[in-house]
Amino acid sequence: MKLTRTTKVAALAATGLLALAACSDSGSSDSSSSASASPSNIDCASGTLSAEGSSAQGNAMTEWIKEYQTACPDATVNYNPTGSGAGIQQFLAGQVDFAGSDSALSAEDGEVADAKKRCDNNDAWNLPMVVGPIAVAYNLDGVDNLVLDADTTAGIFNGEIKKWNDSKIADLNSGASLPDADITVFYRSDESGTTDNFTKYLHAAAPDVWTKDPGKAWTGTGEGKPQSAGVQQATIANANSISYMEWSFAKDGGLGVAEIDNGYGSPVTLDSQTAGAALESAKITGSGNDLSMSLDYTTSAANTYPIVLVTYEIVCSAGLPQNTTDLVKSFLTYTAGDGQSLLEGIGYAPLPSSVQSKVETSVAAIK
């Protein structure tokens, strides 16, 4: 891996995210931005939408907003990728029209009840919109292919495995030139749905090693960095480092991405097909038009990458001003439909058709 090249790429990626956040802060965006294949069949609405939350879907939102505003020049969509926890809080406080979150609203934490109050005594729905594979991304000179399994990954991230040439890593990587160097771990310092999903994987797939409860706040070892761009750039800048981040950020940063041995018998390479396969086995746990899902992090199916998250758009089923409702429905109809075709090229996996059709039905039912 050549750090000079990847640093330039990451800087471009970070610039894109900062521009998106700046758009949200200023309350305006450039509706003249051109898209390579702007859709022509959108039922446009007019006005301004404000949304906030998951940085995991930040790159997807950047592309979706450009395309939507090109097709619908009378609409402005502002999305601030501050993290899932912040997005939910802003939604509950009535500061944004919808939230992006890598975890569904929690009844146990009171979020479901608070969301109902925010939605004028109507339910809030969790609508899966982005399949975001979580990459175990690394910066390790001389190692082009790194294989990890759940126990070894958990050992690295809880601080039990401290050296790159530890026998547990070496046993999975026969013939690799693993350095006798300390492992530097970076994690998300902000409350993050990516952290929540990554620790759910560690807890489910390596329960004897990762004994802590999953959650949005990190409880393992390492040095914290804010948001997805923060852990991406820290990993790029530090040799012998490792972190967890959305695949799109690992790709943009030119980082190595570990193959995961899920127990099937051969390591699984992360790509849109192997990540999408994980969602095929997910179960919808919500009722009616609420589509919160339960992922199987312990899958040992062939060609199935087990570490994925689903980013939800959290919306009021009813209760917002009509012009806001019209714009929410218009924008999310696009993201759930034609917008899915953009995802594979920017480091995500599109929704399986069986899930996509349910999301489209739920969006249509918002009133």
Protein backbone atom coordinates (compact mmCIF):
# COMPACT_ATOMS: atom_id res chain seq x y z
CA MET A 1 0.00 0.00 0.00
CA LYS A 2 1.41 3.41 -0.98
CA LEU A 3 0.55 6.00 1.62
CA THR A 4 1.21 8.99 -0.65
CA ARG A 5 -1.49 7.82 -3.04
CA THR A 6 -4.02 6.80 -0.43
CA THR A 7 -3.63 10.02 1.50
CA LYS A 8 -4.58 11.98 -1.60
CA VAL A 9 -7.61 9.78 -2.19
CA ALA A 10 -8.71 10.06 1.42
CA ALA A 11 -8.36 13.81 1.33
CA LEU A 12 -10.75 13.92 -1.60
CA ALA A 13 -13.20 11.67 0.25
CA ALA A 14 -12.98 13.81 3.37
CA THR A 15 -13.48 16.96 1.32
CA GLY A 16 -16.71 15.47 -0.05
CA LEU A 17 -18.02 14.75 3.43
CA LEU A 18 -17.06 18.18 4.71
CA ALA A 19 -18.83 19.75 1.77
CA LEU A 20 -21.93 17.75 2.56
CA ALA A 21 -21.84 18.81 6.20
CA ALA A 22 -21.24 22.41 5.19
CA CYS A 23 -24.28 22.21 2.93
CA SER A 24 -26.33 21.16 5.93
CA ASP A 25 -24.93 23.91 8.12
CA SER A 26 -25.60 26.63 5.60
CA GLY A 27 -29.13 25.47 4.81
CA SER A 28 -28.48 25.46 1.08
CA SER A 29 -26.97 23.29 -1.59
CA ASP A 30 -25.94 23.60 -5.19
CA SER A 31 -28.86 22.28 -7.18
CA SER A 32 -26.96 22.83 -10.40
CA SER A 33 -24.57 19.94 -9.69
CA SER A 34 -24.70 17.49 -12.55
CA ALA A 35 -25.05 13.73 -12.23
CA SER A 36 -23.84 11.18 -14.70
CA ALA A 37 -27.18 9.46 -15.01
CA SER A 38 -29.79 11.69 -13.43
CA PRO A 39 -33.15 9.91 -13.20
CA SER A 40 -36.01 11.40 -15.14
CA ASN A 41 -39.00 9.64 -13.59
CA ILE A 42 -38.97 11.18 -10.10
CA ASP A 43 -42.23 12.59 -8.78
CA CYS A 44 -40.61 15.79 -7.52
CA ALA A 45 -41.64 17.91 -4.59
CA SER A 46 -40.42 21.36 -3.64
CA GLY A 47 -39.01 22.82 -0.45
CA THR A 48 -36.16 22.05 1.93
CA LEU A 49 -35.47 18.88 3.90
CA SER A 50 -33.10 18.66 6.83
CA ALA A 51 -31.69 15.31 7.93
CA GLU A 52 -28.82 14.16 10.11
CA GLY A 53 -27.16 11.04 11.40
CA SER A 54 -25.23 8.04 10.16
CA SER A 55 -21.88 8.85 8.61
CA ALA A 56 -21.90 5.28 7.26
CA GLN A 57 -24.38 6.37 4.61
CA GLY A 58 -22.70 9.73 4.05
CA ASN A 59 -21.23 8.80 0.66
CA ALA A 60 -24.56 7.36 -0.48
CA MET A 61 -26.40 10.50 0.60
CA THR A 62 -23.91 12.67 -1.27
CA GLU A 63 -24.68 10.87 -4.53
CA TRP A 64 -28.42 10.63 -3.91
CA ILE A 65 -28.74 14.32 -3.10
CA LYS A 66 -26.82 15.35 -6.22
CA GLU A 67 -29.02 13.19 -8.44
CA TYR A 68 -32.27 14.14 -6.77
CA GLN A 69 -31.61 17.88 -6.82
CA THR A 70 -30.57 17.71 -10.46
CA ALA A 71 -33.91 16.13 -11.31
CA CYS A 72 -35.84 18.30 -8.85
CA PRO A 73 -34.29 21.79 -8.88
CA ASP A 74 -37.01 23.22 -6.61
CA ALA A 75 -35.97 20.86 -3.79
CA THR A 76 -33.05 21.18 -1.38
CA VAL A 77 -31.95 18.24 0.79
CA ASN A 78 -29.42 18.87 3.56
CA TYR A 79 -27.80 15.87 5.26
CA ASN A 80 -25.31 16.28 8.10
CA PRO A 81 -23.28 13.05 8.74
CA THR A 82 -22.70 13.55 12.46
CA GLY A 83 -23.25 9.92 13.49
CA SER A 84 -26.26 7.79 14.33
CA GLY A 85 -26.54 8.83 17.96
CA ALA A 86 -26.55 12.52 17.12
CA GLY A 87 -29.02 11.99 14.30
CA ILE A 88 -31.52 10.22 16.51
CA GLN A 89 -31.25 12.91 19.18
CA GLN A 90 -31.84 15.66 16.62
CA PHE A 91 -34.82 13.79 15.22
CA LEU A 92 -36.35 13.26 18.66
CA ALA A 93 -35.84 16.96 19.40
CA GLY A 94 -37.69 17.92 16.23
CA GLN A 95 -34.63 19.58 14.70
CA VAL A 96 -34.54 17.42 11.54
CA ASP A 97 -37.18 15.91 9.30
CA PHE A 98 -35.70 12.41 9.31
CA ALA A 99 -32.67 10.69 10.78
CA GLY A 100 -30.15 8.25 9.40
CA SER A 101 -29.14 5.53 11.87
CA ASP A 102 -27.22 2.27 11.66
CA SER A 103 -29.38 0.93 14.48
CA ALA A 104 -33.16 0.95 14.76
CA LEU A 105 -34.87 3.00 17.45
CA SER A 106 -34.58 1.33 20.83
CA ALA A 107 -37.71 0.75 22.90
CA GLU A 108 -35.54 -0.15 25.89
CA ASP A 109 -33.79 3.23 25.78
CA GLY A 110 -37.07 5.11 25.40
CA GLU A 111 -36.41 6.14 21.81
CA VAL A 112 -39.57 4.55 20.42
CA ALA A 113 -41.80 6.39 22.89
CA ASP A 114 -39.95 9.68 22.42
CA ALA A 115 -40.21 9.33 18.64
CA LYS A 116 -43.97 8.87 18.89
CA LYS A 117 -44.21 12.15 20.80
CA ARG A 118 -42.05 13.87 18.19
CA CYS A 119 -44.33 12.54 15.43
CA ASP A 120 -47.45 14.11 16.99
CA ASN A 121 -48.51 10.81 18.59
CA ASN A 122 -47.87 8.78 15.41
CA ASP A 123 -45.40 5.92 15.15
CA ALA A 124 -41.92 6.43 13.75
CA TRP A 125 -40.76 3.82 11.25
CA ASN A 126 -37.30 2.37 10.67
CA LEU A 127 -36.83 1.99 6.91
CA PRO A 128 -33.69 0.09 5.80
CA MET A 129 -32.12 1.98 2.91
CA VAL A 130 -28.40 1.17 2.71
CA VAL A 131 -26.55 -2.11 3.18
CA GLY A 132 -23.19 -0.98 4.52
CA PRO A 133 -20.56 -3.69 4.84
CA ILE A 134 -18.21 -3.03 7.75
CA ALA A 135 -14.62 -3.51 6.65
CA VAL A 136 -11.86 -4.54 9.02
CA ALA A 137 -9.46 -2.12 7.37
CA TYR A 138 -5.71 -2.18 7.88
CA ASN A 139 -2.47 -0.41 6.97
CA LEU A 140 0.24 -3.07 7.00
CA ASP A 141 3.23 -2.73 4.68
CA GLY A 142 4.03 -5.88 2.74
CA VAL A 143 0.71 -7.59 3.48
CA ASP A 144 -1.73 -7.49 0.57
CA ASN A 145 -4.12 -10.17 1.83
CA LEU A 146 -4.98 -10.51 5.49
CA VAL A 147 -7.31 -13.22 6.81
CA LEU A 148 -9.02 -12.92 10.18
CA ASP A 149 -11.73 -14.89 11.94
CA ALA A 150 -14.11 -13.73 14.65
CA ASP A 151 -12.01 -14.81 17.62
CA THR A 152 -8.84 -13.23 16.26
CA THR A 153 -10.63 -10.01 15.34
CA ALA A 154 -12.14 -9.83 18.82
CA GLY A 155 -8.71 -10.47 20.36
CA ILE A 156 -7.16 -7.62 18.41
CA PHE A 157 -9.90 -5.14 19.25
CA ASN A 158 -10.06 -6.00 22.96
CA GLY A 159 -6.29 -5.72 23.32
CA GLU A 160 -5.45 -9.38 23.96
CA ILE A 161 -3.57 -9.72 20.66
CA LYS A 162 -0.95 -6.95 20.63
CA LYS A 163 1.56 -7.91 17.91
CA TRP A 164 1.04 -8.43 14.19
CA ASN A 165 3.09 -11.63 14.22
CA ASP A 166 1.05 -13.16 17.05
CA SER A 167 0.59 -16.89 16.42
CA LYS A 168 -3.19 -16.53 16.18
CA ILE A 169 -2.84 -14.16 13.24
CA ALA A 170 0.05 -16.12 11.73
CA ASP A 171 -1.94 -19.38 11.78
CA LEU A 172 -4.59 -17.76 9.56
CA ASN A 173 -2.02 -16.23 7.20
CA SER A 174 0.48 -18.90 6.25
CA GLY A 175 3.34 -17.44 4.22
CA ALA A 176 2.51 -13.80 4.96
CA SER A 177 5.33 -11.49 6.09
CA LEU A 178 3.77 -10.32 9.34
CA PRO A 179 5.97 -7.75 11.09
CA ASP A 180 7.10 -7.94 14.69
CA ALA A 181 5.28 -4.69 15.36
CA ASP A 182 2.68 -3.43 17.80
CA ILE A 183 -0.89 -3.30 16.51
CA THR A 184 -2.37 0.19 16.64
CA VAL A 185 -6.16 0.08 16.94
CA PHE A 186 -8.43 3.00 16.06
CA TYR A 187 -12.12 3.16 16.98
CA ARG A 188 -15.07 5.54 16.67
CA SER A 189 -15.01 8.00 19.58
CA ASP A 190 -18.55 9.23 18.90
CA GLU A 191 -21.62 7.09 19.57
CA SER A 192 -21.98 5.16 16.37
CA GLY A 193 -24.26 2.61 14.79
CA THR A 194 -21.16 1.23 13.08
CA THR A 195 -19.68 0.52 16.50
CA ASP A 196 -22.99 -0.99 17.59
CA ASN A 197 -23.11 -3.38 14.64
CA PHE A 198 -19.41 -4.25 14.79
CA THR A 199 -19.64 -5.12 18.50
CA LYS A 200 -22.81 -7.10 17.85
CA TYR A 201 -20.78 -9.19 15.41
CA LEU A 202 -17.92 -9.66 17.88
CA HIS A 203 -20.29 -10.54 20.72
CA ALA A 204 -22.32 -13.00 18.64
CA ALA A 205 -19.51 -14.66 16.67
CA ALA A 206 -16.78 -14.62 19.36
CA PRO A 207 -18.66 -14.66 22.68
CA ASP A 208 -15.80 -16.25 24.63
CA VAL A 209 -13.40 -13.50 23.57
CA TRP A 210 -15.66 -10.44 23.31
CA THR A 211 -17.60 -10.68 26.55
CA LYS A 212 -18.75 -7.07 26.68
CA ASP A 213 -22.28 -6.11 25.67
CA PRO A 214 -22.69 -4.51 22.24
CA GLY A 215 -23.42 -0.83 22.07
CA LYS A 216 -22.96 2.45 20.23
CA ALA A 217 -20.16 3.50 22.60
CA TRP A 218 -16.82 1.68 22.18
CA THR A 219 -15.64 -0.47 25.11
CA GLY A 220 -12.57 -2.12 23.60
CA THR A 221 -8.98 -0.98 23.27
CA GLY A 222 -7.37 1.63 21.06
CA GLU A 223 -7.41 5.33 20.25
CA GLY A 224 -10.68 7.07 19.41
CA LYS A 225 -11.30 9.21 16.35
CA PRO A 226 -14.53 11.04 15.45
CA GLN A 227 -16.81 9.73 12.71
CA SER A 228 -16.00 7.49 9.79
CA ALA A 229 -13.61 9.97 8.18
CA GLY A 230 -11.66 10.22 11.42
CA VAL A 231 -10.88 6.51 11.76
CA GLN A 232 -10.22 6.28 8.02
CA GLN A 233 -7.62 9.03 8.01
CA ALA A 234 -5.96 7.84 11.22
CA THR A 235 -5.53 4.36 9.76
CA ILE A 236 -4.09 5.78 6.55
CA ALA A 237 -1.62 7.95 8.48
CA ASN A 238 -0.33 5.23 10.82
CA ALA A 239 1.58 2.14 9.70
CA ASN A 240 0.69 -1.17 11.40
CA SER A 241 -2.79 0.07 12.25
CA ILE A 242 -6.26 -1.42 12.03
CA SER A 243 -9.80 -0.17 12.44
CA TYR A 244 -13.41 -0.91 11.55
CA MET A 245 -15.22 1.32 9.10
CA GLU A 246 -17.75 1.24 6.32
CA TRP A 247 -16.42 -0.43 3.19
CA SER A 248 -16.88 2.77 1.18
CA PHE A 249 -14.42 4.58 3.46
CA ALA A 250 -11.89 1.75 3.28
CA LYS A 251 -12.14 1.79 -0.52
CA ASP A 252 -11.85 5.57 -0.76
CA GLY A 253 -8.80 5.47 1.49
CA GLY A 254 -7.04 2.71 -0.43
CA LEU A 255 -6.76 0.61 2.73
CA GLY A 256 -6.38 -3.14 2.93
CA VAL A 257 -9.58 -5.00 3.80
CA ALA A 258 -9.36 -8.27 5.71
CA GLU A 259 -11.00 -11.41 4.38
CA ILE A 260 -13.17 -13.00 7.07
CA ASP A 261 -13.17 -16.72 7.80
CA ASN A 262 -16.78 -17.24 8.90
CA GLY A 263 -16.32 -20.95 9.55
CA TYR A 264 -17.47 -22.23 6.18
CA GLY A 265 -14.02 -23.42 5.23
CA SER A 266 -12.58 -20.65 3.11
CA PRO A 267 -12.20 -16.92 3.81
CA VAL A 268 -14.83 -14.57 2.41
CA THR A 269 -13.75 -11.53 0.42
CA LEU A 270 -15.83 -8.43 0.98
CA ASP A 271 -17.77 -7.32 -2.09
CA SER A 272 -21.32 -6.22 -2.85
CA GLN A 273 -22.47 -9.79 -3.55
CA THR A 274 -21.07 -11.35 -0.35
CA ALA A 275 -22.39 -8.45 1.73
CA GLY A 276 -25.80 -8.54 0.09
CA ALA A 277 -26.02 -12.26 0.85
CA ALA A 278 -25.95 -11.45 4.57
CA LEU A 279 -29.13 -9.43 4.29
CA GLU A 280 -30.96 -12.23 2.51
CA SER A 281 -30.96 -14.19 5.78
CA ALA A 282 -31.90 -11.22 7.97
CA LYS A 283 -35.28 -11.23 9.70
CA ILE A 284 -37.68 -8.30 9.86
CA THR A 285 -38.51 -7.78 13.52
CA GLY A 286 -40.69 -4.70 13.14
CA SER A 287 -44.41 -4.87 12.55
CA GLY A 288 -46.45 -3.40 9.75
CA ASN A 289 -44.53 -0.71 7.91
CA ASP A 290 -41.76 -0.58 10.51
CA LEU A 291 -38.97 -2.62 8.93
CA SER A 292 -36.36 -2.92 11.67
CA MET A 293 -34.25 -6.02 11.06
CA SER A 294 -32.23 -8.62 12.94
CA LEU A 295 -28.98 -9.68 11.25
CA ASP A 296 -27.33 -13.09 11.64
CA TYR A 297 -23.74 -12.28 12.57
CA THR A 298 -22.93 -15.95 13.16
CA THR A 299 -23.65 -17.15 9.63
CA SER A 300 -21.26 -19.73 8.22
CA ALA A 301 -22.89 -19.79 4.79
CA ALA A 302 -20.65 -19.88 1.75
CA ASN A 303 -19.81 -16.56 0.10
CA THR A 304 -21.52 -14.60 2.87
CA TYR A 305 -19.68 -11.73 4.51
CA PRO A 306 -20.92 -11.60 8.10
CA ILE A 307 -20.07 -8.04 9.22
CA VAL A 308 -22.70 -5.76 7.77
CA LEU A 309 -24.93 -2.99 8.96
CA VAL A 310 -28.20 -1.67 7.65
CA THR A 311 -28.67 2.06 7.72
CA TYR A 312 -32.24 3.07 8.41
CA GLU A 313 -33.97 6.29 7.54
CA ILE A 314 -36.08 6.99 10.63
CA VAL A 315 -39.25 8.79 9.62
CA CYS A 316 -42.57 9.86 11.07
CA SER A 317 -45.36 7.72 9.67
CA ALA A 318 -47.53 10.84 9.96
CA GLY A 319 -47.63 14.11 11.86
CA LEU A 320 -45.30 16.36 9.88
CA PRO A 321 -46.50 19.39 7.85
CA GLN A 322 -47.89 18.25 4.51
CA ASN A 323 -45.24 19.95 2.40
CA THR A 324 -42.50 18.27 4.47
CA THR A 325 -44.24 14.91 4.18
CA ASP A 326 -44.48 15.30 0.41
CA LEU A 327 -40.77 16.01 0.15
CA VAL A 328 -39.78 13.15 2.48
CA LYS A 329 -41.87 10.74 0.40
CA SER A 330 -40.51 12.05 -2.88
CA PHE A 331 -36.86 11.83 -1.83
CA LEU A 332 -37.14 8.43 -0.14
CA THR A 333 -39.15 7.01 -3.04
CA TYR A 334 -36.11 7.83 -5.17
CA THR A 335 -33.53 6.43 -2.70
CA ALA A 336 -35.50 3.19 -2.25
CA GLY A 337 -36.03 2.83 -6.00
CA ASP A 338 -33.73 4.11 -8.73
CA GLY A 339 -31.20 5.32 -6.17
CA GLN A 340 -30.29 1.76 -5.21
CA SER A 341 -28.52 1.33 -8.55
CA LEU A 342 -25.81 3.80 -7.47
CA LEU A 343 -24.76 1.96 -4.32
CA GLU A 344 -22.59 -0.86 -5.62
CA GLY A 345 -20.20 1.52 -7.35
CA ILE A 346 -19.49 3.52 -4.20
CA GLY A 347 -18.84 0.78 -1.66
CA TYR A 348 -22.30 -0.38 -0.59
CA ALA A 349 -24.64 -3.24 -1.45
CA PRO A 350 -28.15 -2.55 -2.79
CA LEU A 351 -31.15 -3.85 -0.90
CA PRO A 352 -32.25 -7.34 -1.92
CA SER A 353 -35.38 -7.10 -4.06
CA SER A 354 -37.52 -8.75 -1.37
CA VAL A 355 -36.56 -6.03 1.13
CA GLN A 356 -36.62 -3.22 -1.42
CA SER A 357 -40.26 -3.84 -2.30
CA LYS A 358 -41.24 -3.67 1.39
CA VAL A 359 -39.38 -0.39 1.82
CA GLU A 360 -41.12 1.10 -1.21
CA THR A 361 -44.50 0.06 0.24
CA SER A 362 -43.66 1.67 3.58
CA VAL A 363 -42.53 4.94 1.99
CA ALA A 364 -45.76 5.11 0.00
CA ALA A 365 -47.73 4.69 3.25
CA ILE A 366 -46.27 7.78 4.93
CA LYS A 367 -49.02 10.38 5.31
